Structures are given as structure tokens and as C-alpha cells.
Amino acid sequence: MIILRNSPLTFALGAAIAACSLAAAGQAQAQQLTPQQRYERQIAYCNSGNLPDPQRNACVRDAGLLLDQSTGGPPRNAQSTSEDGRATIIGPSGLPVPDSGSSAITSPDGRSTIVVPAYQEPPRQ
């Protein structure tokens, strides 16, 4: 029986065993993550600042595609009507219907509609 102590071969063998066990542990942990957690981890990597813009954009797209594949596809569009009934809104299902333009006012001469930003109060007429 040959015992190799403190030799480069022993060190390399130990490093290879450690790397294999870490890889197996990483795969087991990745399988325990939810699709949303995997997506968020991938997005964090994409936005880490290590990738040039074209590769970062591709990384973000790939993360979204993987999330869609794991959850059965992108959200389906649903049709809804605004609160005042003047508009048909088509958007992903599950989103709330936007406000119906309560900040829109008619100009004094009646020829235009003015939309006030959400952070401002509409002027009194």
C-alpha cells in the first residue's frame, strides 16, 4: 500500500472531490429554489455590472424566458373597461384597472381636455 502525503497529486485529488461536492450541493440548492427566486437571482447577476449592455440585455431576456417556461408561459392578456366606461383596457390578467381619468379636466373654452399629473391637484373651475 502506498500512502502519499503532502504531494501535488493528493492535493489535486482533494480539490477535485471538494469541487464535486460543492457542485452537487449547488445543484441541490438550485432545485429547491422557486422559479421566481431563480429569476431574481439571475436578474441580480445580469445587473451586477459585469456584463456589457448587449450581453446584459440578453441575460435579462433569457431570465424572463426561463421564468415563463417554468410557470407555463407569460401572463395572458385580459380585457377590462375603465371605471367611467369610456375606454377598453387590454393588459396582463390580474392587474387592477387604472383610474378613470379623474384628474382630467376640460379647458374653459371646451375645446381640449387637460390631464393633470397624479402628484398635482386639478385646478378649481
N, C-alpha and C. Protein backbone atom coordinates (compact mmCIF):
# COMPACT_ATOMS: atom_id res chain seq x y z
N MET A 1 0.84 -1.17 0.00
CA MET A 1 0.00 0.00 0.00
C MET A 1 0.89 1.24 0.00
N ILE A 2 0.58 2.19 -0.87
CA ILE A 2 1.36 3.42 -0.99
C ILE A 2 0.55 4.56 -0.39
N ILE A 3 1.14 5.30 0.51
CA ILE A 3 0.48 6.44 1.12
C ILE A 3 1.20 7.70 0.65
N LEU A 4 0.46 8.58 0.03
CA LEU A 4 1.02 9.83 -0.47
C LEU A 4 0.58 10.96 0.44
N ARG A 5 1.52 11.57 1.10
CA ARG A 5 1.19 12.69 1.99
C ARG A 5 1.83 13.96 1.45
N ASN A 6 1.07 15.00 1.45
CA ASN A 6 1.55 16.31 1.03
C ASN A 6 2.14 16.31 -0.38
N SER A 7 1.61 15.49 -1.25
CA SER A 7 2.08 15.50 -2.63
C SER A 7 1.10 16.30 -3.48
N PRO A 8 1.54 16.81 -4.62
CA PRO A 8 0.63 17.56 -5.50
C PRO A 8 -0.55 16.71 -5.95
N LEU A 9 -0.35 15.41 -6.13
CA LEU A 9 -1.44 14.54 -6.55
C LEU A 9 -2.52 14.44 -5.47
N THR A 10 -2.10 14.33 -4.22
CA THR A 10 -3.05 14.27 -3.11
C THR A 10 -3.86 15.57 -3.04
N PHE A 11 -3.17 16.67 -3.19
CA PHE A 11 -3.84 17.97 -3.15
C PHE A 11 -4.85 18.10 -4.28
N ALA A 12 -4.47 17.70 -5.48
CA ALA A 12 -5.35 17.80 -6.65
C ALA A 12 -6.56 16.89 -6.48
N LEU A 13 -6.34 15.70 -5.94
CA LEU A 13 -7.45 14.78 -5.72
C LEU A 13 -8.43 15.34 -4.69
N GLY A 14 -7.89 15.91 -3.63
CA GLY A 14 -8.75 16.52 -2.60
C GLY A 14 -9.53 17.70 -3.15
N ALA A 15 -8.89 18.52 -3.97
CA ALA A 15 -9.56 19.67 -4.57
C ALA A 15 -10.67 19.22 -5.52
N ALA A 16 -10.42 18.15 -6.27
CA ALA A 16 -11.43 17.64 -7.19
C ALA A 16 -12.64 17.11 -6.43
N ILE A 17 -12.41 16.41 -5.35
CA ILE A 17 -13.52 15.87 -4.54
C ILE A 17 -14.31 17.02 -3.93
N ALA A 18 -13.63 18.04 -3.44
CA ALA A 18 -14.31 19.19 -2.86
C ALA A 18 -15.13 19.93 -3.91
N ALA A 19 -14.58 20.07 -5.11
CA ALA A 19 -15.31 20.77 -6.18
C ALA A 19 -16.56 20.00 -6.57
N CYS A 20 -16.45 18.68 -6.65
CA CYS A 20 -17.62 17.86 -6.99
C CYS A 20 -18.70 17.97 -5.93
N SER A 21 -18.31 17.95 -4.67
CA SER A 21 -19.31 18.04 -3.61
C SER A 21 -19.96 19.41 -3.59
N LEU A 22 -19.19 20.48 -3.86
CA LEU A 22 -19.78 21.82 -3.93
C LEU A 22 -20.73 21.94 -5.11
N ALA A 23 -20.38 21.36 -6.24
CA ALA A 23 -21.25 21.42 -7.41
C ALA A 23 -22.56 20.68 -7.14
N ALA A 24 -22.46 19.52 -6.49
CA ALA A 24 -23.68 18.76 -6.17
C ALA A 24 -24.54 19.52 -5.18
N ALA A 25 -23.92 20.17 -4.20
CA ALA A 25 -24.68 20.96 -3.24
C ALA A 25 -25.34 22.16 -3.92
N GLY A 26 -24.62 22.79 -4.86
CA GLY A 26 -25.19 23.93 -5.59
C GLY A 26 -26.37 23.52 -6.44
N GLN A 27 -26.30 22.35 -7.08
CA GLN A 27 -27.43 21.87 -7.89
C GLN A 27 -28.61 21.55 -7.00
N ALA A 28 -28.37 20.94 -5.85
CA ALA A 28 -29.47 20.62 -4.94
C ALA A 28 -30.14 21.89 -4.45
N GLN A 29 -29.32 22.91 -4.15
CA GLN A 29 -29.89 24.17 -3.69
C GLN A 29 -30.66 24.85 -4.81
N ALA A 30 -30.16 24.82 -6.03
CA ALA A 30 -30.85 25.44 -7.16
C ALA A 30 -32.19 24.77 -7.44
N GLN A 31 -32.27 23.46 -7.18
CA GLN A 31 -33.52 22.76 -7.41
C GLN A 31 -34.55 23.10 -6.34
N GLN A 32 -34.10 23.55 -5.18
CA GLN A 32 -35.03 23.90 -4.10
C GLN A 32 -35.59 25.31 -4.25
N LEU A 33 -34.98 26.12 -5.10
CA LEU A 33 -35.46 27.49 -5.30
C LEU A 33 -36.73 27.48 -6.15
N THR A 34 -37.62 28.42 -5.87
CA THR A 34 -38.81 28.58 -6.69
C THR A 34 -38.41 29.24 -8.01
N PRO A 35 -39.25 29.14 -9.03
CA PRO A 35 -38.93 29.82 -10.30
C PRO A 35 -38.71 31.33 -10.11
N GLN A 36 -39.49 31.94 -9.25
CA GLN A 36 -39.35 33.38 -9.02
C GLN A 36 -38.00 33.69 -8.37
N GLN A 37 -37.58 32.85 -7.42
CA GLN A 37 -36.29 33.06 -6.78
C GLN A 37 -35.14 32.87 -7.76
N ARG A 38 -35.24 31.87 -8.64
CA ARG A 38 -34.21 31.67 -9.66
C ARG A 38 -34.15 32.88 -10.60
N TYR A 39 -35.34 33.41 -10.96
CA TYR A 39 -35.42 34.58 -11.82
C TYR A 39 -34.73 35.78 -11.16
N GLU A 40 -35.06 36.02 -9.89
CA GLU A 40 -34.49 37.16 -9.18
C GLU A 40 -32.98 37.02 -9.03
N ARG A 41 -32.49 35.80 -8.80
CA ARG A 41 -31.06 35.57 -8.71
C ARG A 41 -30.38 35.86 -10.05
N GLN A 42 -31.02 35.42 -11.15
CA GLN A 42 -30.45 35.65 -12.48
C GLN A 42 -30.45 37.14 -12.82
N ILE A 43 -31.52 37.84 -12.48
CA ILE A 43 -31.60 39.28 -12.73
C ILE A 43 -30.53 40.02 -11.93
N ALA A 44 -30.30 39.60 -10.70
CA ALA A 44 -29.26 40.23 -9.89
C ALA A 44 -27.90 40.04 -10.55
N TYR A 45 -27.65 38.85 -11.09
CA TYR A 45 -26.39 38.60 -11.80
C TYR A 45 -26.30 39.49 -13.04
N CYS A 46 -27.40 39.57 -13.80
CA CYS A 46 -27.40 40.38 -15.03
C CYS A 46 -27.11 41.84 -14.72
N ASN A 47 -27.64 42.35 -13.62
CA ASN A 47 -27.50 43.76 -13.26
C ASN A 47 -26.29 44.03 -12.37
N SER A 48 -25.41 43.06 -12.22
CA SER A 48 -24.26 43.23 -11.32
C SER A 48 -23.21 44.19 -11.87
N GLY A 49 -23.28 44.55 -13.13
CA GLY A 49 -22.33 45.47 -13.71
C GLY A 49 -21.14 44.79 -14.36
N ASN A 50 -21.17 43.47 -14.44
CA ASN A 50 -20.05 42.74 -15.04
C ASN A 50 -20.22 42.49 -16.53
N LEU A 51 -21.39 42.76 -17.07
CA LEU A 51 -21.67 42.46 -18.47
C LEU A 51 -21.85 43.74 -19.27
N PRO A 52 -21.37 43.77 -20.53
CA PRO A 52 -21.67 44.91 -21.39
C PRO A 52 -23.16 44.92 -21.74
N ASP A 53 -23.66 46.05 -22.19
CA ASP A 53 -25.10 46.22 -22.41
C ASP A 53 -25.73 45.13 -23.29
N PRO A 54 -25.19 44.78 -24.44
CA PRO A 54 -25.87 43.76 -25.25
C PRO A 54 -25.98 42.41 -24.51
N GLN A 55 -24.92 42.04 -23.81
CA GLN A 55 -24.97 40.77 -23.08
C GLN A 55 -25.89 40.86 -21.87
N ARG A 56 -25.94 42.03 -21.21
CA ARG A 56 -26.85 42.21 -20.08
C ARG A 56 -28.29 42.11 -20.53
N ASN A 57 -28.60 42.74 -21.66
CA ASN A 57 -29.97 42.67 -22.19
C ASN A 57 -30.35 41.24 -22.54
N ALA A 58 -29.43 40.50 -23.15
CA ALA A 58 -29.71 39.10 -23.48
C ALA A 58 -29.88 38.28 -22.21
N CYS A 59 -29.11 38.58 -21.19
CA CYS A 59 -29.20 37.87 -19.91
C CYS A 59 -30.58 38.10 -19.28
N VAL A 60 -31.06 39.33 -19.30
CA VAL A 60 -32.38 39.66 -18.74
C VAL A 60 -33.48 38.96 -19.54
N ARG A 61 -33.37 38.97 -20.88
CA ARG A 61 -34.36 38.28 -21.71
C ARG A 61 -34.39 36.80 -21.41
N ASP A 62 -33.21 36.19 -21.30
CA ASP A 62 -33.14 34.76 -21.01
C ASP A 62 -33.75 34.43 -19.65
N ALA A 63 -33.51 35.29 -18.67
CA ALA A 63 -34.09 35.06 -17.34
C ALA A 63 -35.61 35.10 -17.41
N GLY A 64 -36.16 36.04 -18.17
CA GLY A 64 -37.61 36.11 -18.33
C GLY A 64 -38.18 34.92 -19.07
N LEU A 65 -37.47 34.47 -20.12
CA LEU A 65 -37.92 33.30 -20.86
C LEU A 65 -37.93 32.05 -19.99
N LEU A 66 -36.88 31.88 -19.16
CA LEU A 66 -36.83 30.73 -18.27
C LEU A 66 -37.95 30.78 -17.24
N LEU A 67 -38.26 31.97 -16.73
CA LEU A 67 -39.36 32.11 -15.78
C LEU A 67 -40.68 31.76 -16.45
N ASP A 68 -40.89 32.28 -17.67
CA ASP A 68 -42.13 31.98 -18.40
C ASP A 68 -42.26 30.48 -18.66
N GLN A 69 -41.16 29.82 -19.05
CA GLN A 69 -41.21 28.38 -19.32
C GLN A 69 -41.53 27.59 -18.07
N SER A 70 -40.98 28.00 -16.94
CA SER A 70 -41.20 27.24 -15.71
C SER A 70 -42.57 27.49 -15.09
N THR A 71 -43.21 28.60 -15.45
CA THR A 71 -44.54 28.90 -14.89
C THR A 71 -45.67 28.68 -15.89
N GLY A 72 -45.36 28.13 -17.05
CA GLY A 72 -46.41 27.83 -18.01
C GLY A 72 -46.65 28.92 -19.04
N GLY A 73 -45.78 29.87 -19.17
CA GLY A 73 -45.92 30.90 -20.19
C GLY A 73 -46.17 32.26 -19.60
N PRO A 74 -46.12 33.29 -20.45
CA PRO A 74 -46.35 34.65 -19.95
C PRO A 74 -47.80 34.83 -19.54
N PRO A 75 -48.09 35.84 -18.72
CA PRO A 75 -49.47 36.07 -18.32
C PRO A 75 -50.35 36.38 -19.54
N ARG A 76 -51.54 35.88 -19.54
CA ARG A 76 -52.48 36.13 -20.63
C ARG A 76 -53.06 37.54 -20.51
N ASN A 77 -53.34 38.14 -21.64
CA ASN A 77 -53.97 39.45 -21.63
C ASN A 77 -55.45 39.31 -21.34
N ALA A 78 -55.98 40.26 -20.61
CA ALA A 78 -57.40 40.29 -20.29
C ALA A 78 -57.95 41.65 -20.70
N GLN A 79 -59.21 41.66 -21.05
CA GLN A 79 -59.86 42.90 -21.46
C GLN A 79 -60.75 43.39 -20.32
N SER A 80 -60.63 44.68 -19.99
CA SER A 80 -61.49 45.27 -18.97
C SER A 80 -61.90 46.66 -19.43
N THR A 81 -62.89 47.21 -18.76
CA THR A 81 -63.41 48.53 -19.10
C THR A 81 -63.05 49.49 -17.98
N SER A 82 -62.72 50.72 -18.32
CA SER A 82 -62.39 51.72 -17.30
C SER A 82 -63.61 52.00 -16.44
N GLU A 83 -63.38 52.63 -15.29
CA GLU A 83 -64.47 52.92 -14.35
C GLU A 83 -65.57 53.77 -14.96
N ASP A 84 -65.18 54.71 -15.82
CA ASP A 84 -66.19 55.59 -16.41
C ASP A 84 -66.78 55.00 -17.69
N GLY A 85 -66.31 53.83 -18.13
CA GLY A 85 -66.87 53.16 -19.29
C GLY A 85 -66.43 53.72 -20.62
N ARG A 86 -65.49 54.66 -20.64
CA ARG A 86 -65.10 55.29 -21.90
C ARG A 86 -63.95 54.59 -22.59
N ALA A 87 -63.27 53.66 -21.92
CA ALA A 87 -62.10 53.04 -22.52
C ALA A 87 -62.09 51.54 -22.28
N THR A 88 -61.56 50.82 -23.25
CA THR A 88 -61.32 49.39 -23.10
C THR A 88 -59.83 49.22 -22.87
N ILE A 89 -59.49 48.51 -21.80
CA ILE A 89 -58.10 48.34 -21.41
C ILE A 89 -57.72 46.88 -21.61
N ILE A 90 -56.63 46.64 -22.34
CA ILE A 90 -56.14 45.29 -22.54
C ILE A 90 -54.76 45.21 -21.91
N GLY A 91 -54.60 44.31 -20.96
CA GLY A 91 -53.33 44.16 -20.26
C GLY A 91 -53.26 42.81 -19.60
N PRO A 92 -52.13 42.50 -18.95
CA PRO A 92 -51.99 41.20 -18.29
C PRO A 92 -53.09 40.98 -17.26
N SER A 93 -53.59 39.76 -17.20
CA SER A 93 -54.67 39.47 -16.25
C SER A 93 -54.15 39.60 -14.83
N GLY A 94 -55.02 40.01 -13.94
CA GLY A 94 -54.65 40.17 -12.54
C GLY A 94 -54.25 41.59 -12.16
N LEU A 95 -54.02 42.46 -13.15
CA LEU A 95 -53.66 43.83 -12.83
C LEU A 95 -54.92 44.63 -12.54
N PRO A 96 -54.86 45.57 -11.59
CA PRO A 96 -56.04 46.38 -11.31
C PRO A 96 -56.33 47.34 -12.46
N VAL A 97 -57.58 47.70 -12.60
CA VAL A 97 -57.98 48.66 -13.63
C VAL A 97 -57.45 50.03 -13.22
N PRO A 98 -56.78 50.76 -14.12
CA PRO A 98 -56.26 52.08 -13.75
C PRO A 98 -57.38 53.07 -13.49
N ASP A 99 -57.04 54.15 -12.78
CA ASP A 99 -58.03 55.20 -12.51
C ASP A 99 -58.59 55.72 -13.82
N SER A 100 -59.82 56.21 -13.77
CA SER A 100 -60.53 56.56 -14.99
C SER A 100 -60.35 57.99 -15.43
N GLY A 101 -59.26 58.62 -15.11
CA GLY A 101 -59.05 59.98 -15.60
C GLY A 101 -59.71 61.01 -14.73
N SER A 102 -59.80 60.77 -13.43
CA SER A 102 -60.42 61.75 -12.54
C SER A 102 -59.62 63.04 -12.50
N SER A 103 -58.35 62.98 -12.95
CA SER A 103 -57.54 64.20 -12.96
C SER A 103 -57.66 64.96 -14.28
N ALA A 104 -58.48 64.48 -15.20
CA ALA A 104 -58.67 65.17 -16.48
C ALA A 104 -59.78 66.21 -16.35
N ILE A 105 -59.49 67.40 -16.82
CA ILE A 105 -60.49 68.47 -16.78
C ILE A 105 -60.62 69.06 -18.18
N THR A 106 -61.74 69.68 -18.44
CA THR A 106 -61.97 70.33 -19.72
C THR A 106 -61.56 71.79 -19.63
N SER A 107 -60.94 72.29 -20.69
CA SER A 107 -60.50 73.69 -20.69
C SER A 107 -61.73 74.60 -20.62
N PRO A 108 -61.53 75.85 -20.17
CA PRO A 108 -62.68 76.78 -20.06
C PRO A 108 -63.44 76.98 -21.36
N ASP A 109 -62.76 76.93 -22.51
CA ASP A 109 -63.48 77.12 -23.77
C ASP A 109 -64.08 75.81 -24.29
N GLY A 110 -63.80 74.69 -23.64
CA GLY A 110 -64.40 73.41 -24.01
C GLY A 110 -63.75 72.72 -25.19
N ARG A 111 -62.65 73.23 -25.68
CA ARG A 111 -62.04 72.66 -26.88
C ARG A 111 -60.97 71.63 -26.59
N SER A 112 -60.54 71.47 -25.33
CA SER A 112 -59.48 70.50 -25.05
C SER A 112 -59.67 69.88 -23.66
N THR A 113 -59.02 68.74 -23.49
CA THR A 113 -59.01 68.06 -22.20
C THR A 113 -57.60 68.16 -21.64
N ILE A 114 -57.50 68.59 -20.40
CA ILE A 114 -56.22 68.76 -19.75
C ILE A 114 -56.07 67.64 -18.72
N VAL A 115 -54.94 66.90 -18.82
CA VAL A 115 -54.67 65.84 -17.87
C VAL A 115 -53.61 66.35 -16.90
N VAL A 116 -53.99 66.39 -15.63
CA VAL A 116 -53.11 66.89 -14.59
C VAL A 116 -52.27 65.73 -14.07
N PRO A 117 -50.95 65.90 -13.83
CA PRO A 117 -50.16 64.82 -13.27
C PRO A 117 -50.72 64.34 -11.93
N ALA A 118 -50.48 63.08 -11.62
CA ALA A 118 -51.06 62.47 -10.42
C ALA A 118 -50.63 63.16 -9.14
N TYR A 119 -49.46 63.80 -9.12
CA TYR A 119 -48.96 64.43 -7.90
C TYR A 119 -49.49 65.85 -7.71
N GLN A 120 -50.31 66.36 -8.65
CA GLN A 120 -50.86 67.71 -8.52
C GLN A 120 -52.37 67.66 -8.37
N GLU A 121 -52.90 68.67 -7.73
CA GLU A 121 -54.34 68.81 -7.61
C GLU A 121 -54.88 69.48 -8.88
N PRO A 122 -56.01 69.01 -9.41
CA PRO A 122 -56.57 69.72 -10.57
C PRO A 122 -57.06 71.12 -10.15
N PRO A 123 -56.93 72.11 -11.04
CA PRO A 123 -57.38 73.46 -10.69
C PRO A 123 -58.91 73.50 -10.54
N ARG A 124 -59.35 74.35 -9.68
CA ARG A 124 -60.81 74.54 -9.46
C ARG A 124 -61.37 75.37 -10.60
N GLN A 125 -62.54 75.00 -11.06
CA GLN A 125 -63.16 75.74 -12.16
C GLN A 125 -64.21 76.68 -11.65
